C-alpha atoms as a PDB file:
ATOM      1  CA  MET A   1      -1.343  17.978  37.282  1.00  0.00           C
ATOM      2  CA  PRO A   2      -0.305  13.681  36.647  1.00  0.00           C
ATOM      3  CA  GLU A   3       2.121  13.217  33.523  1.00  0.00           C
ATOM      4  CA  LEU A   4      -0.457  11.416  31.254  1.00  0.00           C
ATOM      5  CA  ALA A   5       0.218   7.606  30.110  1.00  0.00           C
ATOM      6  CA  ILE A   6       1.308   7.792  26.243  1.00  0.00           C
ATOM      7  CA  ASP A   7       1.732   3.537  24.576  1.00  0.00           C
ATOM      8  CA  ILE A   8       3.404   3.063  21.347  1.00  0.00           C
ATOM      9  CA  VAL A   9       2.198   0.056  19.587  1.00  0.00           C
ATOM     10  CA  SER A  10       4.229  -1.227  17.535  1.00  0.00           C
ATOM     11  CA  PHE A  11       3.106  -4.206  14.640  1.00  0.00           C
ATOM     12  CA  GLY A  12       2.622  -5.653  11.617  1.00  0.00           C
ATOM     13  CA  TYR A  13      -0.277  -5.583   9.388  1.00  0.00           C
ATOM     14  CA  LEU A  14       0.139  -8.888   8.509  1.00  0.00           C
ATOM     15  CA  HIS A  15      -0.749 -10.336  11.098  1.00  0.00           C
ATOM     16  CA  GLY A  16      -3.898  -9.008  12.637  1.00  0.00           C
ATOM     17  CA  GLU A  17      -5.908  -5.642  12.921  1.00  0.00           C
ATOM     18  CA  PRO A  18      -4.255  -2.443  14.346  1.00  0.00           C
ATOM     19  CA  PRO A  19      -4.865  -1.986  17.755  1.00  0.00           C
ATOM     20  CA  THR A  20      -7.164   0.697  18.401  1.00  0.00           C
ATOM     21  CA  ALA A  21      -5.171   4.148  18.969  1.00  0.00           C
ATOM     22  CA  HIS A  22      -5.591   7.991  18.646  1.00  0.00           C
ATOM     23  CA  LEU A  23      -3.292   7.966  15.481  1.00  0.00           C
ATOM     24  CA  THR A  24      -2.023   4.917  13.743  1.00  0.00           C
ATOM     25  CA  LEU A  25       1.420   4.975  11.143  1.00  0.00           C
ATOM     26  CA  ASP A  26       0.659   3.099   8.526  1.00  0.00           C
ATOM     27  CA  LEU A  27       4.360   2.494   6.706  1.00  0.00           C
ATOM     28  CA  ARG A  28       3.850  -0.376   4.669  1.00  0.00           C
ATOM     29  CA  HIS A  29       3.539   1.784   1.329  1.00  0.00           C
ATOM     30  CA  HIS A  30       5.317   5.058   0.991  1.00  0.00           C
ATOM     31  CA  PHE A  31       9.214   3.713   3.204  1.00  0.00           C
ATOM     32  CA  ARG A  32      11.358   0.938   2.005  1.00  0.00           C
ATOM     33  CA  ASP A  33      11.128  -1.161   4.087  1.00  0.00           C
ATOM     34  CA  PRO A  34      14.414  -3.397   5.470  1.00  0.00           C
ATOM     35  CA  HIS A  35      12.638  -7.440   5.016  1.00  0.00           C
ATOM     36  CA  VAL A  36      13.719  -7.202   1.495  1.00  0.00           C
ATOM     37  CA  SER A  37      17.342  -6.704   1.864  1.00  0.00           C
ATOM     38  CA  PRO A  38      18.028 -10.888   2.926  1.00  0.00           C
ATOM     39  CA  GLU A  39      21.302  -9.847   5.706  1.00  0.00           C
ATOM     40  CA  LEU A  40      18.316  -8.013   7.317  1.00  0.00           C
ATOM     41  CA  ARG A  41      14.841 -10.243   6.756  1.00  0.00           C
ATOM     42  CA  TYR A  42      15.634 -12.550  10.260  1.00  0.00           C
ATOM     43  CA  MET A  43      16.545  -9.252  11.839  1.00  0.00           C
ATOM     44  CA  THR A  44      14.720  -6.716  14.114  1.00  0.00           C
ATOM     45  CA  ALA A  45      14.491  -3.442  15.076  1.00  0.00           C
ATOM     46  CA  HIS A  46      16.630  -4.917  18.340  1.00  0.00           C
ATOM     47  CA  ASP A  47      19.333  -5.048  15.986  1.00  0.00           C
ATOM     48  CA  LEU A  48      21.184  -2.068  15.219  1.00  0.00           C
ATOM     49  CA  THR A  49      21.626  -1.640  11.305  1.00  0.00           C
ATOM     50  CA  VAL A  50      17.367  -2.659  11.365  1.00  0.00           C
ATOM     51  CA  ARG A  51      16.832   1.158  13.191  1.00  0.00           C
ATOM     52  CA  GLN A  52      20.409   2.475  11.227  1.00  0.00           C
ATOM     53  CA  ALA A  53      18.585   1.920   7.736  1.00  0.00           C
ATOM     54  CA  VAL A  54      15.074   2.604   8.897  1.00  0.00           C
ATOM     55  CA  SER A  55      16.725   5.889  10.124  1.00  0.00           C
ATOM     56  CA  ASN A  56      18.213   6.153   7.135  1.00  0.00           C
ATOM     57  CA  THR A  57      15.634   5.438   5.464  1.00  0.00           C
ATOM     58  CA  PRO A  58      14.460   9.098   3.009  1.00  0.00           C
ATOM     59  CA  GLY A  59      10.858  10.612   5.154  1.00  0.00           C
ATOM     60  CA  ILE A  60      11.486   8.474   8.391  1.00  0.00           C
ATOM     61  CA  PRO A  61      13.062  11.226  10.771  1.00  0.00           C
ATOM     62  CA  ALA A  62      11.125  14.169   9.382  1.00  0.00           C
ATOM     63  CA  LEU A  63       7.835  11.462  10.555  1.00  0.00           C
ATOM     64  CA  ILE A  64       8.748  10.395  13.690  1.00  0.00           C
ATOM     65  CA  GLU A  65       9.748  15.150  14.135  1.00  0.00           C
ATOM     66  CA  ALA A  66       6.272  15.278  13.009  1.00  0.00           C
ATOM     67  CA  THR A  67       4.528  12.143  15.059  1.00  0.00           C
ATOM     68  CA  ALA A  68       5.901  13.397  17.844  1.00  0.00           C
ATOM     69  CA  ASP A  69       5.032  17.098  17.287  1.00  0.00           C
ATOM     70  CA  ALA A  70       0.830  15.162  17.532  1.00  0.00           C
ATOM     71  CA  ILE A  71       1.956  12.639  20.658  1.00  0.00           C
ATOM     72  CA  VAL A  72       3.071  16.659  22.305  1.00  0.00           C
ATOM     73  CA  ALA A  73      -0.683  18.448  20.956  1.00  0.00           C
ATOM     74  CA  PHE A  74      -2.662  15.680  22.178  1.00  0.00           C
ATOM     75  CA  THR A  75      -0.826  15.894  25.936  1.00  0.00           C
ATOM     76  CA  HIS A  76      -2.078  19.685  25.741  1.00  0.00           C
ATOM     77  CA  GLY A  77      -5.684  18.491  25.013  1.00  0.00           C
ATOM     78  CA  PRO A  78      -8.384  17.816  28.566  1.00  0.00           C
ATOM     79  CA  SER A  79      -8.692  14.345  28.998  1.00  0.00           C
ATOM     80  CA  ALA A  80      -6.643  13.599  31.801  1.00  0.00           C
ATOM     81  CA  GLY A  81      -6.907   9.777  30.044  1.00  0.00           C
ATOM     82  CA  PRO A  82      -3.581   7.959  28.258  1.00  0.00           C
ATOM     83  CA  ILE A  83      -2.458   8.537  24.415  1.00  0.00           C
ATOM     84  CA  ARG A  84      -1.826   5.781  22.332  1.00  0.00           C
ATOM     85  CA  ILE A  85       0.204   6.084  19.314  1.00  0.00           C
ATOM     86  CA  ALA A  86       0.135   2.557  16.716  1.00  0.00           C
ATOM     87  CA  VAL A  87       2.923   2.320  14.999  1.00  0.00           C
ATOM     88  CA  GLY A  88       2.744  -0.953  11.498  1.00  0.00           C
ATOM     89  CA  CYS A  89       4.629  -2.260   9.277  1.00  0.00           C
ATOM     90  CA  ALA A  90       3.831  -5.730   7.104  1.00  0.00           C
ATOM     91  CA  GLY A  91       5.162  -7.763   9.091  1.00  0.00           C
ATOM     92  CA  GLY A  92       5.726  -6.423  13.489  1.00  0.00           C
ATOM     93  CA  ARG A  93      10.187  -6.731  13.058  1.00  0.00           C
ATOM     94  CA  HIS A  94      11.648  -3.602  10.640  1.00  0.00           C
ATOM     95  CA  ARG A  95      10.113  -0.530  10.285  1.00  0.00           C
ATOM     96  CA  ALA A  96       7.234  -0.228  12.299  1.00  0.00           C
ATOM     97  CA  ALA A  97       9.324  -1.519  15.620  1.00  0.00           C
ATOM     98  CA  ALA A  98      12.390   1.082  14.604  1.00  0.00           C
ATOM     99  CA  VAL A  99       9.622   4.336  14.335  1.00  0.00           C
ATOM    100  CA  ALA A 100       8.316   3.612  17.878  1.00  0.00           C
ATOM    101  CA  MET A 101      11.738   2.931  19.558  1.00  0.00           C
ATOM    102  CA  ALA A 102      12.901   6.463  18.133  1.00  0.00           C
ATOM    103  CA  LEU A 103       9.545   7.427  18.698  1.00  0.00           C
ATOM    104  CA  GLN A 104      10.312   7.076  22.129  1.00  0.00           C
ATOM    105  CA  SER A 105      13.408   8.105  21.937  1.00  0.00           C
ATOM    106  CA  ALA A 106      12.219  12.374  20.428  1.00  0.00           C
ATOM    107  CA  LEU A 107       9.845  11.838  22.829  1.00  0.00           C
ATOM    108  CA  ALA A 108      12.155  11.771  26.309  1.00  0.00           C
ATOM    109  CA  ASP A 109      14.821  14.117  25.250  1.00  0.00           C
ATOM    110  CA  GLU A 110      11.902  16.152  25.082  1.00  0.00           C
ATOM    111  CA  GLY A 111      11.003  14.838  28.576  1.00  0.00           C
ATOM    112  CA  ILE A 112       7.905  13.160  27.825  1.00  0.00           C
ATOM    113  CA  THR A 113       7.898   9.166  29.019  1.00  0.00           C
ATOM    114  CA  ALA A 114       5.832   6.937  26.457  1.00  0.00           C
ATOM    115  CA  THR A 115       6.402   3.191  26.821  1.00  0.00           C
ATOM    116  CA  VAL A 116       6.458   1.014  23.606  1.00  0.00           C
ATOM    117  CA  THR A 117       5.081  -2.546  23.309  1.00  0.00           C
ATOM    118  CA  HIS A 118       6.433  -4.433  20.395  1.00  0.00           C
ATOM    119  CA  ARG A 119       2.823  -6.432  19.432  1.00  0.00           C
ATOM    120  CA  ASP A 120       4.309  -8.760  16.353  1.00  0.00           C
ATOM    121  CA  LEU A 121       8.242  -8.168  17.015  1.00  0.00           C
ATOM    122  CA  ASP A 122       8.889 -11.477  17.880  1.00  0.00           C
ATOM    123  CA  LYS A 123       6.507 -13.519  15.242  1.00  0.00           C
ATOM    124  CA  PRO A 124       8.281 -14.840  12.425  1.00  0.00           C
ATOM    125  CA  VAL A 125       9.118 -13.576   9.737  1.00  0.00           C
ATOM    126  CA  VAL A 126       6.621 -13.319   6.693  1.00  0.00           C
ATOM    127  CA  ASP A 127       7.195 -14.701   3.997  1.00  0.00           C
ATOM    128  CA  ARG A 128       5.167 -13.059   0.973  1.00  0.00           C
END
């Protein structure tokens, strides 16, 4: 049986509509935004400090684990089509991108390959 394509897309709601996905995680209202910290605002999830700030947010590790479990459940379905997971936050530079990266890593630990695309990571900081 060929391996299913698993695509994870991080995005920012302030940059447009969410991508179509089988599962969408909206991180805007329940998890601390690194954007509010002046030292992190202009960084992205490519910076270790941002990834650490996100991963140390209460609830994020459990969310990543639960989402990885959900993706595994999707892989056991009858479809041979790709599985797309969308992870969104306000601007797409911090929480969404860091969670997408961590989710890819969690899946790799289970022997599952996933690709990550950051739709809005390199867009300018949104002042709200």
